[in-house]
């Protein structure tokens, strides 16, 4: 069994990654608006679309965790968050 410090470190990194993901769009909103000629309403829609998959997956999340295991579900979720962030990072247009 892993030590409690290893578990704490993994949980800390996962939570920090989630915080960065959830706050990244709002933090770069002024630059994003200038670069893509988007107003605050457009940025709000973008943030809403960013949270939409989380809302859709929250209800069946328990069943997904039971079927695929906790570790696999968490790793798949983190991988999807990373893919979404990379897609946002590499986008050149609205």
PDB file of N, CA and C in Angstrom:
ATOM      1  N   UNK A   1       0.849  -1.184   0.000  1.00  0.00           N
ATOM      2  CA  UNK A   1       0.000   0.000   0.000  1.00  0.00           C
ATOM      3  C   UNK A   1       0.891   1.243   0.000  1.00  0.00           C
ATOM      4  N   UNK A   2       0.572   2.217  -0.853  1.00  0.00           N
ATOM      5  CA  UNK A   2       1.380   3.434  -0.895  1.00  0.00           C
ATOM      6  C   UNK A   2       1.302   4.193   0.429  1.00  0.00           C
ATOM      7  N   UNK A   3       2.340   4.941   0.697  1.00  0.00           N
ATOM      8  CA  UNK A   3       2.348   5.705   1.940  1.00  0.00           C
ATOM      9  C   UNK A   3       1.329   6.833   1.875  1.00  0.00           C
ATOM     10  N   UNK A   4       0.969   7.333   3.017  1.00  0.00           N
ATOM     11  CA  UNK A   4      -0.025   8.405   3.056  1.00  0.00           C
ATOM     12  C   UNK A   4       0.506   9.678   2.416  1.00  0.00           C
ATOM     13  N   UNK A   5       1.820   9.878   2.420  1.00  0.00           N
ATOM     14  CA  UNK A   5       2.398  11.064   1.800  1.00  0.00           C
ATOM     15  C   UNK A   5       2.316  10.972   0.280  1.00  0.00           C
ATOM     16  N   UNK A   6       2.471   9.779  -0.256  1.00  0.00           N
ATOM     17  CA  UNK A   6       2.328   9.590  -1.700  1.00  0.00           C
ATOM     18  C   UNK A   6       0.891   9.860  -2.126  1.00  0.00           C
ATOM     19  N   UNK A   7      -0.045   9.339  -1.367  1.00  0.00           N
ATOM     20  CA  UNK A   7      -1.459   9.563  -1.667  1.00  0.00           C
ATOM     21  C   UNK A   7      -1.786  11.051  -1.570  1.00  0.00           C
ATOM     22  N   UNK A   8      -1.278  11.708  -0.545  1.00  0.00           N
ATOM     23  CA  UNK A   8      -1.511  13.140  -0.383  1.00  0.00           C
ATOM     24  C   UNK A   8      -0.920  13.927  -1.551  1.00  0.00           C
ATOM     25  N   UNK A   9       0.268  13.550  -1.999  1.00  0.00           N
ATOM     26  CA  UNK A   9       0.904  14.245  -3.123  1.00  0.00           C
ATOM     27  C   UNK A   9       0.094  14.065  -4.406  1.00  0.00           C
ATOM     28  N   UNK A  10      -0.393  12.862  -4.649  1.00  0.00           N
ATOM     29  CA  UNK A  10      -1.198  12.605  -5.848  1.00  0.00           C
ATOM     30  C   UNK A  10      -2.496  13.407  -5.794  1.00  0.00           C
ATOM     31  N   UNK A  11      -3.152  13.420  -4.656  1.00  0.00           N
ATOM     32  CA  UNK A  11      -4.383  14.192  -4.517  1.00  0.00           C
ATOM     33  C   UNK A  11      -4.128  15.689  -4.673  1.00  0.00           C
ATOM     34  N   UNK A  12      -3.018  16.165  -4.153  1.00  0.00           N
ATOM     35  CA  UNK A  12      -2.675  17.577  -4.284  1.00  0.00           C
ATOM     36  C   UNK A  12      -2.464  17.955  -5.749  1.00  0.00           C
ATOM     37  N   UNK A  13      -1.728  17.134  -6.480  1.00  0.00           N
ATOM     38  CA  UNK A  13      -1.468  17.417  -7.895  1.00  0.00           C
ATOM     39  C   UNK A  13      -2.767  17.365  -8.698  1.00  0.00           C
ATOM     40  N   UNK A  14      -3.615  16.380  -8.422  1.00  0.00           N
ATOM     41  CA  UNK A  14      -4.888  16.276  -9.142  1.00  0.00           C
ATOM     42  C   UNK A  14      -5.772  17.485  -8.855  1.00  0.00           C
ATOM     43  N   UNK A  15      -5.843  17.903  -7.612  1.00  0.00           N
ATOM     44  CA  UNK A  15      -6.677  19.060  -7.256  1.00  0.00           C
ATOM     45  C   UNK A  15      -6.102  20.350  -7.838  1.00  0.00           C
ATOM     46  N   UNK A  16      -4.799  20.486  -7.839  1.00  0.00           N
ATOM     47  CA  UNK A  16      -4.179  21.672  -8.431  1.00  0.00           C
ATOM     48  C   UNK A  16      -4.438  21.713  -9.935  1.00  0.00           C
ATOM     49  N   UNK A  17      -4.386  20.558 -10.592  1.00  0.00           N
ATOM     50  CA  UNK A  17      -4.671  20.503 -12.028  1.00  0.00           C
ATOM     51  C   UNK A  17      -6.112  20.910 -12.308  1.00  0.00           C
ATOM     52  N   UNK A  18      -7.032  20.475 -11.471  1.00  0.00           N
ATOM     53  CA  UNK A  18      -8.428  20.859 -11.650  1.00  0.00           C
ATOM     54  C   UNK A  18      -8.608  22.362 -11.460  1.00  0.00           C
ATOM     55  N   UNK A  19      -7.947  22.927 -10.472  1.00  0.00           N
ATOM     56  CA  UNK A  19      -8.071  24.367 -10.226  1.00  0.00           C
ATOM     57  C   UNK A  19      -7.544  25.165 -11.413  1.00  0.00           C
ATOM     58  N   UNK A  20      -6.428  24.745 -11.958  1.00  0.00           N
ATOM     59  CA  UNK A  20      -5.867  25.437 -13.124  1.00  0.00           C
ATOM     60  C   UNK A  20      -6.819  25.322 -14.304  1.00  0.00           C
ATOM     61  N   UNK A  21      -7.383  24.143 -14.510  1.00  0.00           N
ATOM     62  CA  UNK A  21      -8.309  23.951 -15.624  1.00  0.00           C
ATOM     63  C   UNK A  21      -9.532  24.849 -15.495  1.00  0.00           C
ATOM     64  N   UNK A  22     -10.101  24.922 -14.311  1.00  0.00           N
ATOM     65  CA  UNK A  22     -11.334  25.671 -14.130  1.00  0.00           C
ATOM     66  C   UNK A  22     -11.123  27.178 -14.152  1.00  0.00           C
ATOM     67  N   UNK A  23      -9.931  27.634 -13.867  1.00  0.00           N
ATOM     68  CA  UNK A  23      -9.689  29.070 -13.811  1.00  0.00           C
ATOM     69  C   UNK A  23      -8.906  29.600 -15.001  1.00  0.00           C
ATOM     70  N   UNK A  24      -8.472  28.736 -15.885  1.00  0.00           N
ATOM     71  CA  UNK A  24      -7.593  29.184 -16.967  1.00  0.00           C
ATOM     72  C   UNK A  24      -8.298  30.094 -17.963  1.00  0.00           C
ATOM     73  N   UNK A  25      -9.520  29.792 -18.329  1.00  0.00           N
ATOM     74  CA  UNK A  25     -10.206  30.603 -19.335  1.00  0.00           C
ATOM     75  C   UNK A  25     -10.523  31.990 -18.787  1.00  0.00           C
ATOM     76  N   UNK A  26     -11.024  32.060 -17.571  1.00  0.00           N
ATOM     77  CA  UNK A  26     -11.349  33.364 -16.993  1.00  0.00           C
ATOM     78  C   UNK A  26     -10.095  34.216 -16.801  1.00  0.00           C
ATOM     79  N   UNK A  27      -8.992  33.593 -16.482  1.00  0.00           N
ATOM     80  CA  UNK A  27      -7.762  34.345 -16.249  1.00  0.00           C
ATOM     81  C   UNK A  27      -7.213  34.966 -17.526  1.00  0.00           C
ATOM     82  N   UNK A  28      -7.435  34.322 -18.648  1.00  0.00           N
ATOM     83  CA  UNK A  28      -6.906  34.853 -19.907  1.00  0.00           C
ATOM     84  C   UNK A  28      -7.987  35.530 -20.743  1.00  0.00           C
ATOM     85  N   UNK A  29      -9.152  35.794 -20.149  1.00  0.00           N
ATOM     86  CA  UNK A  29     -10.279  36.370 -20.889  1.00  0.00           C
ATOM     87  C   UNK A  29      -9.938  37.676 -21.604  1.00  0.00           C
ATOM     88  N   UNK A  30      -9.252  38.635 -20.977  1.00  0.00           N
ATOM     89  CA  UNK A  30      -8.954  39.872 -21.719  1.00  0.00           C
ATOM     90  C   UNK A  30      -8.083  39.632 -22.960  1.00  0.00           C
ATOM     91  N   UNK A  31      -7.047  38.828 -22.815  1.00  0.00           N
ATOM     92  CA  UNK A  31      -6.182  38.543 -23.959  1.00  0.00           C
ATOM     93  C   UNK A  31      -6.909  37.711 -25.013  1.00  0.00           C
ATOM     94  N   UNK A  32      -7.722  36.779 -24.557  1.00  0.00           N
ATOM     95  CA  UNK A  32      -8.496  35.948 -25.474  1.00  0.00           C
ATOM     96  C   UNK A  32      -9.487  36.799 -26.258  1.00  0.00           C
ATOM     97  N   UNK A  33     -10.120  37.741 -25.579  1.00  0.00           N
ATOM     98  CA  UNK A  33     -11.061  38.629 -26.248  1.00  0.00           C
ATOM     99  C   UNK A  33     -10.396  39.488 -27.307  1.00  0.00           C
ATOM    100  N   UNK A  34      -9.212  40.006 -26.994  1.00  0.00           N
ATOM    101  CA  UNK A  34      -8.486  40.824 -27.972  1.00  0.00           C
ATOM    102  C   UNK A  34      -8.018  39.992 -29.159  1.00  0.00           C
ATOM    103  N   UNK A  35      -7.473  38.829 -28.877  1.00  0.00           N
ATOM    104  CA  UNK A  35      -6.910  37.996 -29.942  1.00  0.00           C
ATOM    105  C   UNK A  35      -7.978  37.434 -30.868  1.00  0.00           C
ATOM    106  N   UNK A  36      -9.140  37.110 -30.322  1.00  0.00           N
ATOM    107  CA  UNK A  36     -10.186  36.471 -31.121  1.00  0.00           C
ATOM    108  C   UNK A  36     -11.348  37.402 -31.430  1.00  0.00           C
ATOM    109  N   UNK A  37     -11.219  38.671 -31.082  1.00  0.00           N
ATOM    110  CA  UNK A  37     -12.276  39.655 -31.283  1.00  0.00           C
ATOM    111  C   UNK A  37     -13.586  39.167 -30.664  1.00  0.00           C
ATOM    112  N   UNK A  38     -13.503  38.750 -29.407  1.00  0.00           N
ATOM    113  CA  UNK A  38     -14.660  38.231 -28.682  1.00  0.00           C
ATOM    114  C   UNK A  38     -15.011  39.183 -27.544  1.00  0.00           C
ATOM    115  N   UNK A  39     -16.304  39.356 -27.300  1.00  0.00           N
ATOM    116  CA  UNK A  39     -16.722  40.197 -26.183  1.00  0.00           C
ATOM    117  C   UNK A  39     -16.936  39.335 -24.943  1.00  0.00           C
ATOM    118  N   UNK A  40     -17.353  39.964 -23.845  1.00  0.00           N
ATOM    119  CA  UNK A  40     -17.519  39.218 -22.594  1.00  0.00           C
ATOM    120  C   UNK A  40     -18.611  38.158 -22.686  1.00  0.00           C
ATOM    121  N   UNK A  41     -19.638  38.406 -23.481  1.00  0.00           N
ATOM    122  CA  UNK A  41     -20.688  37.397 -23.651  1.00  0.00           C
ATOM    123  C   UNK A  41     -20.130  36.151 -24.336  1.00  0.00           C
ATOM    124  N   UNK A  42     -19.282  36.357 -25.339  1.00  0.00           N
ATOM    125  CA  UNK A  42     -18.657  35.217 -26.012  1.00  0.00           C
ATOM    126  C   UNK A  42     -17.775  34.425 -25.050  1.00  0.00           C
ATOM    127  N   UNK A  43     -17.035  35.135 -24.216  1.00  0.00           N
ATOM    128  CA  UNK A  43     -16.182  34.465 -23.227  1.00  0.00           C
ATOM    129  C   UNK A  43     -17.049  33.694 -22.235  1.00  0.00           C
ATOM    130  N   UNK A  44     -18.182  34.272 -21.847  1.00  0.00           N
ATOM    131  CA  UNK A  44     -19.106  33.576 -20.946  1.00  0.00           C
ATOM    132  C   UNK A  44     -19.648  32.297 -21.554  1.00  0.00           C
ATOM    133  N   UNK A  45     -19.977  32.346 -22.838  1.00  0.00           N
ATOM    134  CA  UNK A  45     -20.440  31.136 -23.527  1.00  0.00           C
ATOM    135  C   UNK A  45     -19.324  30.094 -23.555  1.00  0.00           C
ATOM    136  N   UNK A  46     -18.105  30.539 -23.807  1.00  0.00           N
ATOM    137  CA  UNK A  46     -16.963  29.618 -23.827  1.00  0.00           C
ATOM    138  C   UNK A  46     -16.778  28.942 -22.473  1.00  0.00           C
ATOM    139  N   UNK A  47     -16.895  29.714 -21.399  1.00  0.00           N
ATOM    140  CA  UNK A  47     -16.762  29.132 -20.061  1.00  0.00           C
ATOM    141  C   UNK A  47     -17.906  28.155 -19.794  1.00  0.00           C
ATOM    142  N   UNK A  48     -19.118  28.511 -20.210  1.00  0.00           N
ATOM    143  CA  UNK A  48     -20.251  27.601 -20.045  1.00  0.00           C
ATOM    144  C   UNK A  48     -20.060  26.299 -20.800  1.00  0.00           C
ATOM    145  N   UNK A  49     -19.555  26.384 -22.021  1.00  0.00           N
ATOM    146  CA  UNK A  49     -19.285  25.174 -22.800  1.00  0.00           C
ATOM    147  C   UNK A  49     -18.177  24.342 -22.168  1.00  0.00           C
ATOM    148  N   UNK A  50     -17.246  25.012 -21.523  1.00  0.00           N
ATOM    149  CA  UNK A  50     -16.139  24.313 -20.868  1.00  0.00           C
ATOM    150  C   UNK A  50     -16.648  23.480 -19.686  1.00  0.00           C
ATOM    151  N   UNK A  51     -17.668  23.994 -18.985  1.00  0.00           N
ATOM    152  CA  UNK A  51     -18.212  23.275 -17.834  1.00  0.00           C
ATOM    153  C   UNK A  51     -19.283  22.256 -18.210  1.00  0.00           C
ATOM    154  N   UNK A  52     -19.829  22.325 -19.409  1.00  0.00           N
ATOM    155  CA  UNK A  52     -20.933  21.452 -19.809  1.00  0.00           C
ATOM    156  C   UNK A  52     -20.612  19.955 -19.695  1.00  0.00           C
ATOM    157  N   UNK A  53     -19.438  19.483 -20.126  1.00  0.00           N
ATOM    158  CA  UNK A  53     -19.173  18.044 -19.968  1.00  0.00           C
ATOM    159  C   UNK A  53     -19.169  17.597 -18.511  1.00  0.00           C
ATOM    160  N   UNK A  54     -18.706  18.457 -17.615  1.00  0.00           N
ATOM    161  CA  UNK A  54     -18.717  18.103 -16.196  1.00  0.00           C
ATOM    162  C   UNK A  54     -20.124  17.920 -15.665  1.00  0.00           C
ATOM    163  N   UNK A  55     -21.037  18.758 -16.121  1.00  0.00           N
ATOM    164  CA  UNK A  55     -22.436  18.637 -15.710  1.00  0.00           C
ATOM    165  C   UNK A  55     -23.024  17.344 -16.261  1.00  0.00           C
ATOM    166  N   UNK A  56     -22.716  17.046 -17.517  1.00  0.00           N
ATOM    167  CA  UNK A  56     -23.265  15.848 -18.147  1.00  0.00           C
ATOM    168  C   UNK A  56     -22.702  14.565 -17.533  1.00  0.00           C
ATOM    169  N   UNK A  57     -21.458  14.599 -17.071  1.00  0.00           N
ATOM    170  CA  UNK A  57     -20.838  13.389 -16.520  1.00  0.00           C
ATOM    171  C   UNK A  57     -21.000  13.258 -15.007  1.00  0.00           C
ATOM    172  N   UNK A  58     -21.511  14.279 -14.341  1.00  0.00           N
ATOM    173  CA  UNK A  58     -21.640  14.218 -12.887  1.00  0.00           C
ATOM    174  C   UNK A  58     -22.669  13.172 -12.455  1.00  0.00           C
ATOM    175  N   UNK A  59     -23.775  13.100 -13.153  1.00  0.00           N
ATOM    176  CA  UNK A  59     -24.818  12.154 -12.752  1.00  0.00           C
ATOM    177  C   UNK A  59     -24.408  10.696 -12.956  1.00  0.00           C
ATOM    178  N   UNK A  60     -23.895  10.308 -14.127  1.00  0.00           N
ATOM    179  CA  UNK A  60     -23.490   8.906 -14.278  1.00  0.00           C
ATOM    180  C   UNK A  60     -22.075   8.631 -13.760  1.00  0.00           C
ATOM    181  N   UNK A  61     -21.467   9.589 -13.080  1.00  0.00           N
ATOM    182  CA  UNK A  61     -20.086   9.422 -12.623  1.00  0.00           C
ATOM    183  C   UNK A  61     -19.882   8.231 -11.702  1.00  0.00           C
ATOM    184  N   UNK A  62     -20.828   7.982 -10.813  1.00  0.00           N
ATOM    185  CA  UNK A  62     -20.711   6.837  -9.910  1.00  0.00           C
ATOM    186  C   UNK A  62     -20.731   5.517 -10.660  1.00  0.00           C
ATOM    187  N   UNK A  63     -21.623   5.415 -11.636  1.00  0.00           N
ATOM    188  CA  UNK A  63     -21.700   4.184 -12.431  1.00  0.00           C
ATOM    189  C   UNK A  63     -20.439   3.998 -13.275  1.00  0.00           C
ATOM    190  N   UNK A  64     -19.918   5.099 -13.803  1.00  0.00           N
ATOM    191  CA  UNK A  64     -18.674   5.018 -14.583  1.00  0.00           C
ATOM    192  C   UNK A  64     -17.533   4.551 -13.690  1.00  0.00           C
ATOM    193  N   UNK A  65     -17.457   5.091 -12.475  1.00  0.00           N
ATOM    194  CA  UNK A  65     -16.417   4.681 -11.535  1.00  0.00           C
ATOM    195  C   UNK A  65     -16.525   3.220 -11.140  1.00  0.00           C
ATOM    196  N   UNK A  66     -17.749   2.749 -10.934  1.00  0.00           N
ATOM    197  CA  UNK A  66     -17.940   1.336 -10.587  1.00  0.00           C
ATOM    198  C   UNK A  66     -17.555   0.424 -11.744  1.00  0.00           C
ATOM    199  N   UNK A  67     -17.916   0.818 -12.945  1.00  0.00           N
ATOM    200  CA  UNK A  67     -17.666  -0.048 -14.102  1.00  0.00           C
ATOM    201  C   UNK A  67     -16.189  -0.108 -14.480  1.00  0.00           C
ATOM    202  N   UNK A  68     -15.517   1.050 -14.502  1.00  0.00           N
ATOM    203  CA  UNK A  68     -14.138   1.105 -14.972  1.00  0.00           C
ATOM    204  C   UNK A  68     -13.113   1.240 -13.854  1.00  0.00           C
ATOM    205  N   UNK A  69     -13.560   1.358 -12.625  1.00  0.00           N
ATOM    206  CA  UNK A  69     -12.648   1.496 -11.497  1.00  0.00           C
ATOM    207  C   UNK A  69     -12.326   2.956 -11.221  1.00  0.00           C
ATOM    208  N   UNK A  70     -12.039   3.228  -9.961  1.00  0.00           N
ATOM    209  CA  UNK A  70     -11.762   4.608  -9.556  1.00  0.00           C
ATOM    210  C   UNK A  70     -10.524   5.164 -10.236  1.00  0.00           C
ATOM    211  N   UNK A  71      -9.467   4.386 -10.226  1.00  0.00           N
ATOM    212  CA  UNK A  71      -8.198   4.861 -10.781  1.00  0.00           C
ATOM    213  C   UNK A  71      -8.318   5.133 -12.280  1.00  0.00           C
ATOM    214  N   UNK A  72      -8.911   4.214 -12.997  1.00  0.00           N
ATOM    215  CA  UNK A  72      -9.079   4.398 -14.435  1.00  0.00           C
ATOM    216  C   UNK A  72      -9.965   5.588 -14.772  1.00  0.00           C
ATOM    217  N   UNK A  73     -11.019   5.771 -13.996  1.00  0.00           N
ATOM    218  CA  UNK A  73     -11.928   6.893 -14.240  1.00  0.00           C
ATOM    219  C   UNK A  73     -11.243   8.231 -13.994  1.00  0.00           C
ATOM    220  N   UNK A  74     -10.494   8.314 -12.910  1.00  0.00           N
ATOM    221  CA  UNK A  74      -9.794   9.562 -12.594  1.00  0.00           C
ATOM    222  C   UNK A  74      -8.723   9.856 -13.643  1.00  0.00           C
ATOM    223  N   UNK A  75      -7.970   8.842 -14.028  1.00  0.00           N
ATOM    224  CA  UNK A  75      -6.934   9.056 -15.037  1.00  0.00           C
ATOM    225  C   UNK A  75      -7.536   9.442 -16.384  1.00  0.00           C
ATOM    226  N   UNK A  76      -8.651   8.831 -16.748  1.00  0.00           N
ATOM    227  CA  UNK A  76      -9.316   9.196 -18.004  1.00  0.00           C
ATOM    228  C   UNK A  76      -9.830  10.631 -17.935  1.00  0.00           C
ATOM    229  N   UNK A  77     -10.378  11.023 -16.802  1.00  0.00           N
ATOM    230  CA  UNK A  77     -10.848  12.395 -16.641  1.00  0.00           C
ATOM    231  C   UNK A  77      -9.718  13.409 -16.731  1.00  0.00           C
ATOM    232  N   UNK A  78      -8.603  13.114 -16.083  1.00  0.00           N
ATOM    233  CA  UNK A  78      -7.456  14.020 -16.164  1.00  0.00           C
ATOM    234  C   UNK A  78      -6.905  14.090 -17.586  1.00  0.00           C
ATOM    235  N   UNK A  79      -6.906  12.958 -18.286  1.00  0.00           N
ATOM    236  CA  UNK A  79      -6.436  12.955 -19.675  1.00  0.00           C
ATOM    237  C   UNK A  79      -7.353  13.791 -20.563  1.00  0.00           C
ATOM    238  N   UNK A  80      -8.661  13.703 -20.334  1.00  0.00           N
ATOM    239  CA  UNK A  80      -9.594  14.516 -21.120  1.00  0.00           C
ATOM    240  C   UNK A  80      -9.425  16.002 -20.809  1.00  0.00           C
ATOM    241  N   UNK A  81      -9.167  16.329 -19.542  1.00  0.00           N
ATOM    242  CA  UNK A  81      -8.929  17.727 -19.186  1.00  0.00           C
ATOM    243  C   UNK A  81      -7.667  18.244 -19.870  1.00  0.00           C
ATOM    244  N   UNK A  82      -6.629  17.434 -19.898  1.00  0.00           N
ATOM    245  CA  UNK A  82      -5.393  17.829 -20.560  1.00  0.00           C
ATOM    246  C   UNK A  82      -5.615  18.009 -22.061  1.00  0.00           C
ATOM    247  N   UNK A  83      -6.371  17.104 -22.663  1.00  0.00           N
ATOM    248  CA  UNK A  83      -6.654  17.217 -24.099  1.00  0.00           C
ATOM    249  C   UNK A  83      -7.439  18.492 -24.398  1.00  0.00           C
ATOM    250  N   UNK A  84      -8.410  18.818 -23.572  1.00  0.00           N
ATOM    251  CA  UNK A  84      -9.175  20.045 -23.765  1.00  0.00           C
ATOM    252  C   UNK A  84      -8.318  21.287 -23.615  1.00  0.00           C
ATOM    253  N   UNK A  85      -7.435  21.275 -22.647  1.00  0.00           N
ATOM    254  CA  UNK A  85      -6.546  22.418 -22.443  1.00  0.00           C
ATOM    255  C   UNK A  85      -5.581  22.580 -23.613  1.00  0.00           C
ATOM    256  N   UNK A  86      -5.071  21.474 -24.125  1.00  0.00           N
ATOM    257  CA  UNK A  86      -4.167  21.552 -25.277  1.00  0.00           C
ATOM    258  C   UNK A  86      -4.912  22.029 -26.524  1.00  0.00           C
ATOM    259  N   UNK A  87      -6.157  21.620 -26.674  1.00  0.00           N
ATOM    260  CA  UNK A  87      -6.967  22.088 -27.796  1.00  0.00           C
ATOM    261  C   UNK A  87      -7.187  23.597 -27.697  1.00  0.00           C
ATOM    262  N   UNK A  88      -7.476  24.074 -26.502  1.00  0.00           N
ATOM    263  CA  UNK A  88      -7.632  25.512 -26.290  1.00  0.00           C
ATOM    264  C   UNK A  88      -6.323  26.243 -26.558  1.00  0.00           C
ATOM    265  N   UNK A  89      -5.235  25.675 -26.114  1.00  0.00           N
ATOM    266  CA  UNK A  89      -3.924  26.305 -26.262  1.00  0.00           C
ATOM    267  C   UNK A  89      -3.522  26.435 -27.731  1.00  0.00           C
ATOM    268  N   UNK A  90      -3.864  25.444 -28.531  1.00  0.00           N
ATOM    269  CA  UNK A  90      -3.440  25.449 -29.930  1.00  0.00           C
ATOM    270  C   UNK A  90      -4.440  26.107 -30.872  1.00  0.00           C
ATOM    271  N   UNK A  91      -5.590  26.538 -30.361  1.00  0.00           N
ATOM    272  CA  UNK A  91      -6.588  27.143 -31.249  1.00  0.00           C
ATOM    273  C   UNK A  91      -6.106  28.502 -31.739  1.00  0.00           C
ATOM    274  N   UNK A  92      -6.435  28.797 -32.974  1.00  0.00           N
ATOM    275  CA  UNK A  92      -6.032  30.074 -33.560  1.00  0.00           C
ATOM    276  C   UNK A  92      -7.223  30.937 -33.934  1.00  0.00           C
ATOM    277  N   UNK A  93      -8.429  30.414 -33.776  1.00  0.00           N
ATOM    278  CA  UNK A  93      -9.611  31.207 -34.105  1.00  0.00           C
ATOM    279  C   UNK A  93     -10.736  30.865 -33.146  1.00  0.00           C
ATOM    280  N   UNK A  94     -11.749  31.669 -33.163  1.00  0.00           N
ATOM    281  CA  UNK A  94     -12.900  31.503 -32.291  1.00  0.00           C
ATOM    282  C   UNK A  94     -13.726  30.379 -32.829  1.00  0.00           C
TER     283      UNK A  94
END
